[in-house]
Amino acid sequence: MDWIRFAKSGKDLTGLRGRLIEVTPEELQMHNTREDCWTCIRGLVYNVTPYMDFHPGGEEELMRAAGIDGTDLFDQVHRWVNYESMLKECLVGRMSTKPITNNGI
């Protein structure tokens, strides 16, 4: 209940002031610390930093998916959890499906 109350507090839990972005793998990898932790689940990227203190498994478990696609890790433990509803206020955006190019070369 504490997380639900906090998530509905109106605070910016994404750090992006409500705008959604397309996240490249490189961008996702940069957000891999306790103070700045993003993860991807099924193509959606979430800033789970605000959730650290609320996660029942603790910080250590969330950090296992820091800066990476955490879908497999999530499914191993939480397949039944409605993460989309629980983390909707933390949604940063979608993973980029565009190939990376070197300045059009």
PDB file of N, CA and C in Angstrom:
ATOM      1  N   MET A   1       0.809  -1.199   0.000  1.00  0.00           N
ATOM      2  CA  MET A   1       0.000   0.000   0.000  1.00  0.00           C
ATOM      3  C   MET A   1       0.850   1.260   0.000  1.00  0.00           C
ATOM      4  N   ASP A   2       2.003   1.209   0.661  1.00  0.00           N
ATOM      5  CA  ASP A   2       2.861   2.395   0.690  1.00  0.00           C
ATOM      6  C   ASP A   2       3.301   2.778  -0.717  1.00  0.00           C
ATOM      7  N   TRP A   3       3.655   1.774  -1.541  1.00  0.00           N
ATOM      8  CA  TRP A   3       4.086   2.061  -2.909  1.00  0.00           C
ATOM      9  C   TRP A   3       2.947   2.681  -3.706  1.00  0.00           C
ATOM     10  N   ILE A   4       1.763   2.151  -3.578  1.00  0.00           N
ATOM     11  CA  ILE A   4       0.620   2.683  -4.322  1.00  0.00           C
ATOM     12  C   ILE A   4       0.387   4.146  -3.945  1.00  0.00           C
ATOM     13  N   ARG A   5       0.425   4.437  -2.673  1.00  0.00           N
ATOM     14  CA  ARG A   5       0.248   5.810  -2.204  1.00  0.00           C
ATOM     15  C   ARG A   5       1.352   6.715  -2.760  1.00  0.00           C
ATOM     16  N   PHE A   6       2.594   6.245  -2.704  1.00  0.00           N
ATOM     17  CA  PHE A   6       3.720   7.025  -3.202  1.00  0.00           C
ATOM     18  C   PHE A   6       3.616   7.240  -4.711  1.00  0.00           C
ATOM     19  N   ALA A   7       3.265   6.184  -5.441  1.00  0.00           N
ATOM     20  CA  ALA A   7       3.161   6.283  -6.899  1.00  0.00           C
ATOM     21  C   ALA A   7       2.069   7.260  -7.329  1.00  0.00           C
ATOM     22  N   LYS A   8       1.043   7.397  -6.529  1.00  0.00           N
ATOM     23  CA  LYS A   8      -0.062   8.304  -6.850  1.00  0.00           C
ATOM     24  C   LYS A   8       0.115   9.694  -6.234  1.00  0.00           C
ATOM     25  N   SER A   9       1.290   9.965  -5.703  1.00  0.00           N
ATOM     26  CA  SER A   9       1.535  11.237  -5.019  1.00  0.00           C
ATOM     27  C   SER A   9       1.669  12.432  -5.955  1.00  0.00           C
ATOM     28  N   GLY A  10       1.821  12.167  -7.255  1.00  0.00           N
ATOM     29  CA  GLY A  10       2.000  13.251  -8.207  1.00  0.00           C
ATOM     30  C   GLY A  10       3.454  13.605  -8.449  1.00  0.00           C
ATOM     31  N   LYS A  11       4.368  12.939  -7.756  1.00  0.00           N
ATOM     32  CA  LYS A  11       5.794  13.182  -7.967  1.00  0.00           C
ATOM     33  C   LYS A  11       6.210  12.620  -9.319  1.00  0.00           C
ATOM     34  N   ASP A  12       7.225  13.237  -9.925  1.00  0.00           N
ATOM     35  CA  ASP A  12       7.759  12.766 -11.196  1.00  0.00           C
ATOM     36  C   ASP A  12       8.658  11.559 -10.925  1.00  0.00           C
ATOM     37  N   LEU A  13       8.141  10.369 -11.131  1.00  0.00           N
ATOM     38  CA  LEU A  13       8.898   9.155 -10.844  1.00  0.00           C
ATOM     39  C   LEU A  13       9.760   8.697 -12.012  1.00  0.00           C
ATOM     40  N   THR A  14       9.612   9.357 -13.150  1.00  0.00           N
ATOM     41  CA  THR A  14      10.428   8.988 -14.314  1.00  0.00           C
ATOM     42  C   THR A  14      11.713   9.810 -14.373  1.00  0.00           C
ATOM     43  N   GLY A  15      11.644  11.022 -13.845  1.00  0.00           N
ATOM     44  CA  GLY A  15      12.766  11.939 -13.992  1.00  0.00           C
ATOM     45  C   GLY A  15      12.738  12.658 -15.334  1.00  0.00           C
ATOM     46  N   LEU A  16      11.667  12.470 -16.101  1.00  0.00           N
ATOM     47  CA  LEU A  16      11.564  13.061 -17.437  1.00  0.00           C
ATOM     48  C   LEU A  16      10.400  14.034 -17.568  1.00  0.00           C
ATOM     49  N   ARG A  17       9.819  14.399 -16.449  1.00  0.00           N
ATOM     50  CA  ARG A  17       8.707  15.362 -16.409  1.00  0.00           C
ATOM     51  C   ARG A  17       7.535  14.952 -17.298  1.00  0.00           C
ATOM     52  N   GLY A  18       7.234  13.659 -17.294  1.00  0.00           N
ATOM     53  CA  GLY A  18       6.043  13.178 -17.978  1.00  0.00           C
ATOM     54  C   GLY A  18       6.173  12.854 -19.447  1.00  0.00           C
ATOM     55  N   ARG A  19       7.313  13.121 -20.042  1.00  0.00           N
ATOM     56  CA  ARG A  19       7.441  12.792 -21.465  1.00  0.00           C
ATOM     57  C   ARG A  19       8.032  11.395 -21.619  1.00  0.00           C
ATOM     58  N   LEU A  20       7.574  10.686 -22.632  1.00  0.00           N
ATOM     59  CA  LEU A  20       8.091   9.356 -22.920  1.00  0.00           C
ATOM     60  C   LEU A  20       9.170   9.460 -23.987  1.00  0.00           C
ATOM     61  N   ILE A  21      10.183   8.629 -23.876  1.00  0.00           N
ATOM     62  CA  ILE A  21      11.277   8.658 -24.840  1.00  0.00           C
ATOM     63  C   ILE A  21      11.499   7.269 -25.423  1.00  0.00           C
ATOM     64  N   GLU A  22      12.214   7.231 -26.527  1.00  0.00           N
ATOM     65  CA  GLU A  22      12.666   5.975 -27.101  1.00  0.00           C
ATOM     66  C   GLU A  22      14.067   5.733 -26.541  1.00  0.00           C
ATOM     67  N   VAL A  23      14.263   4.590 -25.932  1.00  0.00           N
ATOM     68  CA  VAL A  23      15.505   4.302 -25.217  1.00  0.00           C
ATOM     69  C   VAL A  23      16.364   3.328 -26.018  1.00  0.00           C
ATOM     70  N   THR A  24      17.584   3.732 -26.280  1.00  0.00           N
ATOM     71  CA  THR A  24      18.525   2.840 -26.959  1.00  0.00           C
ATOM     72  C   THR A  24      19.165   1.913 -25.927  1.00  0.00           C
ATOM     73  N   PRO A  25      19.715   0.798 -26.370  1.00  0.00           N
ATOM     74  CA  PRO A  25      20.430  -0.073 -25.432  1.00  0.00           C
ATOM     75  C   PRO A  25      21.557   0.661 -24.709  1.00  0.00           C
ATOM     76  N   GLU A  26      22.219   1.560 -25.404  1.00  0.00           N
ATOM     77  CA  GLU A  26      23.306   2.325 -24.791  1.00  0.00           C
ATOM     78  C   GLU A  26      22.795   3.231 -23.677  1.00  0.00           C
ATOM     79  N   GLU A  27      21.654   3.864 -23.919  1.00  0.00           N
ATOM     80  CA  GLU A  27      21.048   4.729 -22.903  1.00  0.00           C
ATOM     81  C   GLU A  27      20.626   3.903 -21.688  1.00  0.00           C
ATOM     82  N   LEU A  28      20.003   2.764 -21.935  1.00  0.00           N
ATOM     83  CA  LEU A  28      19.573   1.897 -20.842  1.00  0.00           C
ATOM     84  C   LEU A  28      20.756   1.486 -19.979  1.00  0.00           C
ATOM     85  N   GLN A  29      21.860   1.127 -20.591  1.00  0.00           N
ATOM     86  CA  GLN A  29      23.047   0.677 -19.866  1.00  0.00           C
ATOM     87  C   GLN A  29      23.623   1.755 -18.953  1.00  0.00           C
ATOM     88  N   MET A  30      23.406   3.019 -19.291  1.00  0.00           N
ATOM     89  CA  MET A  30      23.946   4.114 -18.476  1.00  0.00           C
ATOM     90  C   MET A  30      23.201   4.282 -17.141  1.00  0.00           C
ATOM     91  N   HIS A  31      22.019   3.709 -17.033  1.00  0.00           N
ATOM     92  CA  HIS A  31      21.198   3.871 -15.835  1.00  0.00           C
ATOM     93  C   HIS A  31      21.265   2.583 -15.011  1.00  0.00           C
ATOM     94  N   ASN A  32      22.405   2.371 -14.380  1.00  0.00           N
ATOM     95  CA  ASN A  32      22.659   1.086 -13.723  1.00  0.00           C
ATOM     96  C   ASN A  32      23.175   1.217 -12.288  1.00  0.00           C
ATOM     97  N   THR A  33      22.803   2.305 -11.622  1.00  0.00           N
ATOM     98  CA  THR A  33      23.240   2.504 -10.241  1.00  0.00           C
ATOM     99  C   THR A  33      22.034   2.593  -9.311  1.00  0.00           C
ATOM    100  N   ARG A  34      22.277   2.482  -8.039  1.00  0.00           N
ATOM    101  CA  ARG A  34      21.214   2.576  -7.026  1.00  0.00           C
ATOM    102  C   ARG A  34      20.482   3.909  -7.122  1.00  0.00           C
ATOM    103  N   GLU A  35      21.201   4.956  -7.453  1.00  0.00           N
ATOM    104  CA  GLU A  35      20.641   6.302  -7.524  1.00  0.00           C
ATOM    105  C   GLU A  35      19.994   6.610  -8.868  1.00  0.00           C
ATOM    106  N   ASP A  36      20.214   5.763  -9.864  1.00  0.00           N
ATOM    107  CA  ASP A  36      19.695   5.982 -11.214  1.00  0.00           C
ATOM    108  C   ASP A  36      19.559   4.621 -11.894  1.00  0.00           C
ATOM    109  N   CYS A  37      18.422   3.979 -11.671  1.00  0.00           N
ATOM    110  CA  CYS A  37      18.248   2.592 -12.099  1.00  0.00           C
ATOM    111  C   CYS A  37      17.048   2.429 -13.028  1.00  0.00           C
ATOM    112  N   TRP A  38      17.344   2.102 -14.279  1.00  0.00           N
ATOM    113  CA  TRP A  38      16.309   1.791 -15.255  1.00  0.00           C
ATOM    114  C   TRP A  38      16.408   0.316 -15.597  1.00  0.00           C
ATOM    115  N   THR A  39      15.283  -0.268 -15.958  1.00  0.00           N
ATOM    116  CA  THR A  39      15.271  -1.630 -16.474  1.00  0.00           C
ATOM    117  C   THR A  39      14.198  -1.734 -17.536  1.00  0.00           C
ATOM    118  N   CYS A  40      14.320  -2.747 -18.366  1.00  0.00           N
ATOM    119  CA  CYS A  40      13.369  -2.990 -19.441  1.00  0.00           C
ATOM    120  C   CYS A  40      12.631  -4.295 -19.153  1.00  0.00           C
ATOM    121  N   ILE A  41      11.315  -4.251 -19.304  1.00  0.00           N
ATOM    122  CA  ILE A  41      10.499  -5.460 -19.200  1.00  0.00           C
ATOM    123  C   ILE A  41       9.574  -5.478 -20.408  1.00  0.00           C
ATOM    124  N   ARG A  42       9.741  -6.504 -21.226  1.00  0.00           N
ATOM    125  CA  ARG A  42       8.936  -6.691 -22.439  1.00  0.00           C
ATOM    126  C   ARG A  42       8.898  -5.443 -23.323  1.00  0.00           C
ATOM    127  N   GLY A  43      10.057  -4.838 -23.515  1.00  0.00           N
ATOM    128  CA  GLY A  43      10.168  -3.700 -24.423  1.00  0.00           C
ATOM    129  C   GLY A  43       9.825  -2.352 -23.832  1.00  0.00           C
ATOM    130  N   LEU A  44       9.373  -2.319 -22.577  1.00  0.00           N
ATOM    131  CA  LEU A  44       9.071  -1.058 -21.916  1.00  0.00           C
ATOM    132  C   LEU A  44      10.142  -0.769 -20.870  1.00  0.00           C
ATOM    133  N   VAL A  45      10.592   0.468 -20.818  1.00  0.00           N
ATOM    134  CA  VAL A  45      11.662   0.864 -19.904  1.00  0.00           C
ATOM    135  C   VAL A  45      11.072   1.633 -18.732  1.00  0.00           C
ATOM    136  N   TYR A  46      11.494   1.235 -17.536  1.00  0.00           N
ATOM    137  CA  TYR A  46      11.006   1.843 -16.302  1.00  0.00           C
ATOM    138  C   TYR A  46      12.171   2.371 -15.476  1.00  0.00           C
ATOM    139  N   ASN A  47      11.964   3.526 -14.863  1.00  0.00           N
ATOM    140  CA  ASN A  47      12.894   4.045 -13.878  1.00  0.00           C
ATOM    141  C   ASN A  47      12.466   3.442 -12.543  1.00  0.00           C
ATOM    142  N   VAL A  48      13.168   2.414 -12.107  1.00  0.00           N
ATOM    143  CA  VAL A  48      12.787   1.729 -10.869  1.00  0.00           C
ATOM    144  C   VAL A  48      13.493   2.306  -9.639  1.00  0.00           C
ATOM    145  N   THR A  49      14.222   3.383  -9.822  1.00  0.00           N
ATOM    146  CA  THR A  49      14.902   4.026  -8.696  1.00  0.00           C
ATOM    147  C   THR A  49      13.931   4.350  -7.555  1.00  0.00           C
ATOM    148  N   PRO A  50      12.778   4.976  -7.842  1.00  0.00           N
ATOM    149  CA  PRO A  50      11.862   5.295  -6.741  1.00  0.00           C
ATOM    150  C   PRO A  50      11.284   4.059  -6.057  1.00  0.00           C
ATOM    151  N   TYR A  51      11.299   2.927  -6.742  1.00  0.00           N
ATOM    152  CA  TYR A  51      10.714   1.698  -6.212  1.00  0.00           C
ATOM    153  C   TYR A  51      11.684   0.919  -5.320  1.00  0.00           C
ATOM    154  N   MET A  52      12.947   1.292  -5.320  1.00  0.00           N
ATOM    155  CA  MET A  52      13.981   0.561  -4.568  1.00  0.00           C
ATOM    156  C   MET A  52      13.581   0.301  -3.116  1.00  0.00           C
ATOM    157  N   ASP A  53      13.120   1.312  -2.437  1.00  0.00           N
ATOM    158  CA  ASP A  53      12.799   1.174  -1.015  1.00  0.00           C
ATOM    159  C   ASP A  53      11.490   0.428  -0.754  1.00  0.00           C
ATOM    160  N   PHE A  54      10.728   0.159  -1.802  1.00  0.00           N
ATOM    161  CA  PHE A  54       9.433  -0.495  -1.655  1.00  0.00           C
ATOM    162  C   PHE A  54       9.434  -1.951  -2.125  1.00  0.00           C
ATOM    163  N   HIS A  55      10.433  -2.337  -2.900  1.00  0.00           N
ATOM    164  CA  HIS A  55      10.466  -3.686  -3.473  1.00  0.00           C
ATOM    165  C   HIS A  55      10.589  -4.739  -2.375  1.00  0.00           C
ATOM    166  N   PRO A  56       9.663  -5.697  -2.322  1.00  0.00           N
ATOM    167  CA  PRO A  56       9.699  -6.709  -1.261  1.00  0.00           C
ATOM    168  C   PRO A  56      10.981  -7.533  -1.235  1.00  0.00           C
ATOM    169  N   GLY A  57      11.608  -7.728  -2.384  1.00  0.00           N
ATOM    170  CA  GLY A  57      12.852  -8.500  -2.454  1.00  0.00           C
ATOM    171  C   GLY A  57      14.084  -7.672  -2.157  1.00  0.00           C
ATOM    172  N   GLY A  58      13.887  -6.372  -1.991  1.00  0.00           N
ATOM    173  CA  GLY A  58      14.991  -5.486  -1.664  1.00  0.00           C
ATOM    174  C   GLY A  58      15.746  -4.955  -2.865  1.00  0.00           C
ATOM    175  N   GLU A  59      16.615  -4.047  -2.549  1.00  0.00           N
ATOM    176  CA  GLU A  59      17.440  -3.362  -3.548  1.00  0.00           C
ATOM    177  C   GLU A  59      18.286  -4.339  -4.361  1.00  0.00           C
ATOM    178  N   GLU A  60      18.856  -5.315  -3.701  1.00  0.00           N
ATOM    179  CA  GLU A  60      19.753  -6.258  -4.371  1.00  0.00           C
ATOM    180  C   GLU A  60      19.064  -6.953  -5.550  1.00  0.00           C
ATOM    181  N   GLU A  61      17.822  -7.329  -5.363  1.00  0.00           N
ATOM    182  CA  GLU A  61      17.090  -8.009  -6.434  1.00  0.00           C
ATOM    183  C   GLU A  61      16.836  -7.074  -7.612  1.00  0.00           C
ATOM    184  N   LEU A  62      16.433  -5.844  -7.348  1.00  0.00           N
ATOM    185  CA  LEU A  62      16.210  -4.889  -8.436  1.00  0.00           C
ATOM    186  C   LEU A  62      17.508  -4.570  -9.171  1.00  0.00           C
ATOM    187  N   MET A  63      18.590  -4.497  -8.444  1.00  0.00           N
ATOM    188  CA  MET A  63      19.879  -4.163  -9.065  1.00  0.00           C
ATOM    189  C   MET A  63      20.366  -5.253 -10.027  1.00  0.00           C
ATOM    190  N   ARG A  64      19.857  -6.447  -9.902  1.00  0.00           N
ATOM    191  CA  ARG A  64      20.219  -7.515 -10.843  1.00  0.00           C
ATOM    192  C   ARG A  64      19.772  -7.172 -12.262  1.00  0.00           C
ATOM    193  N   ALA A  65      18.748  -6.336 -12.399  1.00  0.00           N
ATOM    194  CA  ALA A  65      18.227  -5.958 -13.713  1.00  0.00           C
ATOM    195  C   ALA A  65      18.578  -4.512 -14.075  1.00  0.00           C
ATOM    196  N   ALA A  66      19.467  -3.903 -13.339  1.00  0.00           N
ATOM    197  CA  ALA A  66      19.825  -2.500 -13.566  1.00  0.00           C
ATOM    198  C   ALA A  66      20.533  -2.308 -14.904  1.00  0.00           C
ATOM    199  N   GLY A  67      19.962  -1.452 -15.729  1.00  0.00           N
ATOM    200  CA  GLY A  67      20.588  -1.098 -16.993  1.00  0.00           C
ATOM    201  C   GLY A  67      20.504  -2.152 -18.078  1.00  0.00           C
ATOM    202  N   ILE A  68      19.655  -3.150 -17.887  1.00  0.00           N
ATOM    203  CA  ILE A  68      19.543  -4.224 -18.884  1.00  0.00           C
ATOM    204  C   ILE A  68      18.072  -4.585 -19.102  1.00  0.00           C
ATOM    205  N   ASP A  69      17.854  -5.478 -20.064  1.00  0.00           N
ATOM    206  CA  ASP A  69      16.529  -6.060 -20.242  1.00  0.00           C
ATOM    207  C   ASP A  69      16.348  -7.087 -19.135  1.00  0.00           C
ATOM    208  N   GLY A  70      15.465  -6.797 -18.203  1.00  0.00           N
ATOM    209  CA  GLY A  70      15.250  -7.664 -17.053  1.00  0.00           C
ATOM    210  C   GLY A  70      14.065  -8.606 -17.207  1.00  0.00           C
ATOM    211  N   THR A  71      13.570  -8.774 -18.426  1.00  0.00           N
ATOM    212  CA  THR A  71      12.379  -9.600 -18.651  1.00  0.00           C
ATOM    213  C   THR A  71      12.557 -11.013 -18.129  1.00  0.00           C
ATOM    214  N   ASP A  72      13.644 -11.669 -18.473  1.00  0.00           N
ATOM    215  CA  ASP A  72      13.858 -13.052 -18.036  1.00  0.00           C
ATOM    216  C   ASP A  72      13.959 -13.147 -16.514  1.00  0.00           C
ATOM    217  N   LEU A  73      14.702 -12.230 -15.900  1.00  0.00           N
ATOM    218  CA  LEU A  73      14.812 -12.223 -14.442  1.00  0.00           C
ATOM    219  C   LEU A  73      13.448 -12.001 -13.788  1.00  0.00           C
ATOM    220  N   PHE A  74      12.696 -11.066 -14.335  1.00  0.00           N
ATOM    221  CA  PHE A  74      11.374 -10.770 -13.802  1.00  0.00           C
ATOM    222  C   PHE A  74      10.479 -12.005 -13.893  1.00  0.00           C
ATOM    223  N   ASP A  75      10.490 -12.657 -15.049  1.00  0.00           N
ATOM    224  CA  ASP A  75       9.621 -13.817 -15.253  1.00  0.00           C
ATOM    225  C   ASP A  75       9.997 -15.004 -14.366  1.00  0.00           C
ATOM    226  N   GLN A  76      11.258 -15.096 -13.992  1.00  0.00           N
ATOM    227  CA  GLN A  76      11.674 -16.191 -13.114  1.00  0.00           C
ATOM    228  C   GLN A  76      11.018 -16.099 -11.740  1.00  0.00           C
ATOM    229  N   VAL A  77      10.737 -14.877 -11.299  1.00  0.00           N
ATOM    230  CA  VAL A  77      10.232 -14.674  -9.943  1.00  0.00           C
ATOM    231  C   VAL A  77       8.819 -14.091  -9.898  1.00  0.00           C
ATOM    232  N   HIS A  78       8.495 -13.217 -10.850  1.00  0.00           N
ATOM    233  CA  HIS A  78       7.275 -12.411 -10.751  1.00  0.00           C
ATOM    234  C   HIS A  78       6.342 -12.512 -11.951  1.00  0.00           C
ATOM    235  N   ARG A  79       6.358 -13.598 -12.665  1.00  0.00           N
ATOM    236  CA  ARG A  79       5.544 -13.703 -13.881  1.00  0.00           C
ATOM    237  C   ARG A  79       4.088 -13.280 -13.655  1.00  0.00           C
ATOM    238  N   TRP A  80       3.555 -13.496 -12.484  1.00  0.00           N
ATOM    239  CA  TRP A  80       2.154 -13.222 -12.162  1.00  0.00           C
ATOM    240  C   TRP A  80       1.885 -11.755 -11.796  1.00  0.00           C
ATOM    241  N   VAL A  81       2.926 -10.966 -11.571  1.00  0.00           N
ATOM    242  CA  VAL A  81       2.759  -9.579 -11.117  1.00  0.00           C
ATOM    243  C   VAL A  81       2.353  -8.673 -12.281  1.00  0.00           C
ATOM    244  N   ASN A  82       1.385  -7.797 -12.039  1.00  0.00           N
ATOM    245  CA  ASN A  82       0.959  -6.827 -13.039  1.00  0.00           C
ATOM    246  C   ASN A  82       1.884  -5.602 -12.955  1.00  0.00           C
ATOM    247  N   TYR A  83       3.087  -5.755 -13.505  1.00  0.00           N
ATOM    248  CA  TYR A  83       4.092  -4.695 -13.435  1.00  0.00           C
ATOM    249  C   TYR A  83       3.657  -3.436 -14.183  1.00  0.00           C
ATOM    250  N   GLU A  84       2.897  -3.591 -15.269  1.00  0.00           N
ATOM    251  CA  GLU A  84       2.482  -2.422 -16.040  1.00  0.00           C
ATOM    252  C   GLU A  84       1.642  -1.467 -15.193  1.00  0.00           C
ATOM    253  N   SER A  85       0.758  -2.019 -14.400  1.00  0.00           N
ATOM    254  CA  SER A  85      -0.060  -1.191 -13.519  1.00  0.00           C
ATOM    255  C   SER A  85       0.769  -0.655 -12.355  1.00  0.00           C
ATOM    256  N   MET A  86       1.565  -1.518 -11.777  1.00  0.00           N
ATOM    257  CA  MET A  86       2.337  -1.154 -10.594  1.00  0.00           C
ATOM    258  C   MET A  86       3.407  -0.093 -10.896  1.00  0.00           C
ATOM    259  N   LEU A  87       3.995  -0.158 -12.086  1.00  0.00           N
ATOM    260  CA  LEU A  87       5.090   0.756 -12.433  1.00  0.00           C
ATOM    261  C   LEU A  87       4.710   1.820 -13.463  1.00  0.00           C
ATOM    262  N   LYS A  88       3.428   1.975 -13.728  1.00  0.00           N
ATOM    263  CA  LYS A  88       3.032   2.895 -14.807  1.00  0.00           C
ATOM    264  C   LYS A  88       3.535   4.319 -14.602  1.00  0.00           C
ATOM    265  N   GLU A  89       3.651   4.764 -13.364  1.00  0.00           N
ATOM    266  CA  GLU A  89       4.149   6.116 -13.100  1.00  0.00           C
ATOM    267  C   GLU A  89       5.660   6.223 -13.286  1.00  0.00           C
ATOM    268  N   CYS A  90       6.316   5.074 -13.458  1.00  0.00           N
ATOM    269  CA  CYS A  90       7.773   5.027 -13.635  1.00  0.00           C
ATOM    270  C   CYS A  90       8.172   4.781 -15.084  1.00  0.00           C
ATOM    271  N   LEU A  91       7.188   4.727 -15.992  1.00  0.00           N
ATOM    272  CA  LEU A  91       7.463   4.419 -17.391  1.00  0.00           C
ATOM    273  C   LEU A  91       8.266   5.532 -18.050  1.00  0.00           C
ATOM    274  N   VAL A  92       9.434   5.162 -18.550  1.00  0.00           N
ATOM    275  CA  VAL A  92      10.314   6.094 -19.251  1.00  0.00           C
ATOM    276  C   VAL A  92       9.992   6.105 -20.738  1.00  0.00           C
ATOM    277  N   GLY A  93       9.718   4.931 -21.292  1.00  0.00           N
ATOM    278  CA  GLY A  93       9.395   4.826 -22.719  1.00  0.00           C
ATOM    279  C   GLY A  93       9.612   3.416 -23.223  1.00  0.00           C
ATOM    280  N   ARG A  94       9.755   3.308 -24.531  1.00  0.00           N
ATOM    281  CA  ARG A  94       9.965   2.017 -25.185  1.00  0.00           C
ATOM    282  C   ARG A  94      11.417   1.867 -25.602  1.00  0.00           C
ATOM    283  N   MET A  95      11.835   0.610 -25.651  1.00  0.00           N
ATOM    284  CA  MET A  95      13.165   0.328 -26.189  1.00  0.00           C
ATOM    285  C   MET A  95      13.155   0.635 -27.683  1.00  0.00           C
ATOM    286  N   SER A  96      14.244   1.171 -28.156  1.00  0.00           N
ATOM    287  CA  SER A  96      14.391   1.486 -29.570  1.00  0.00           C
ATOM    288  C   SER A  96      14.479   0.193 -30.374  1.00  0.00           C
ATOM    289  N   THR A  97      13.776   0.181 -31.485  1.00  0.00           N
ATOM    290  CA  THR A  97      13.873  -0.958 -32.395  1.00  0.00           C
ATOM    291  C   THR A  97      14.652  -0.574 -33.645  1.00  0.00           C
ATOM    292  N   LYS A  98      15.093   0.672 -33.683  1.00  0.00           N
ATOM    293  CA  LYS A  98      15.868   1.149 -34.834  1.00  0.00           C
ATOM    294  C   LYS A  98      17.298   0.674 -34.738  1.00  0.00           C
ATOM    295  N   PRO A  99      17.856   0.228 -35.858  1.00  0.00           N
ATOM    296  CA  PRO A  99      19.272  -0.156 -35.828  1.00  0.00           C
ATOM    297  C   PRO A  99      20.159   1.065 -35.600  1.00  0.00           C
ATOM    298  N   ILE A 100      21.240   0.868 -34.883  1.00  0.00           N
ATOM    299  CA  ILE A 100      22.217   1.932 -34.624  1.00  0.00           C
ATOM    300  C   ILE A 100      23.080   2.094 -35.878  1.00  0.00           C
ATOM    301  N   THR A 101      23.260   3.352 -36.310  1.00  0.00           N
ATOM    302  CA  THR A 101      24.124   3.612 -37.473  1.00  0.00           C
ATOM    303  C   THR A 101      25.228   4.558 -37.066  1.00  0.00           C
ATOM    304  N   ASN A 102      26.288   4.553 -37.805  1.00  0.00           N
ATOM    305  CA  ASN A 102      27.405   5.480 -37.586  1.00  0.00           C
ATOM    306  C   ASN A 102      27.242   6.675 -38.499  1.00  0.00           C
ATOM    307  N   ASN A 103      26.475   7.655 -38.048  1.00  0.00           N
ATOM    308  CA  ASN A 103      26.266   8.901 -38.792  1.00  0.00           C
ATOM    309  C   ASN A 103      25.857   8.653 -40.234  1.00  0.00           C
ATOM    310  N   GLY A 104      24.989   7.658 -40.454  1.00  0.00           N
ATOM    311  CA  GLY A 104      24.474   7.394 -41.784  1.00  0.00           C
ATOM    312  C   GLY A 104      25.398   6.587 -42.668  1.00  0.00           C
ATOM    313  N   ILE A 105      26.504   6.154 -42.133  1.00  0.00           N
ATOM    314  CA  ILE A 105      27.468   5.386 -42.943  1.00  0.00           C
ATOM    315  C   ILE A 105      27.059   3.941 -42.994  1.00  0.00           C
TER     316      ILE A 105
END
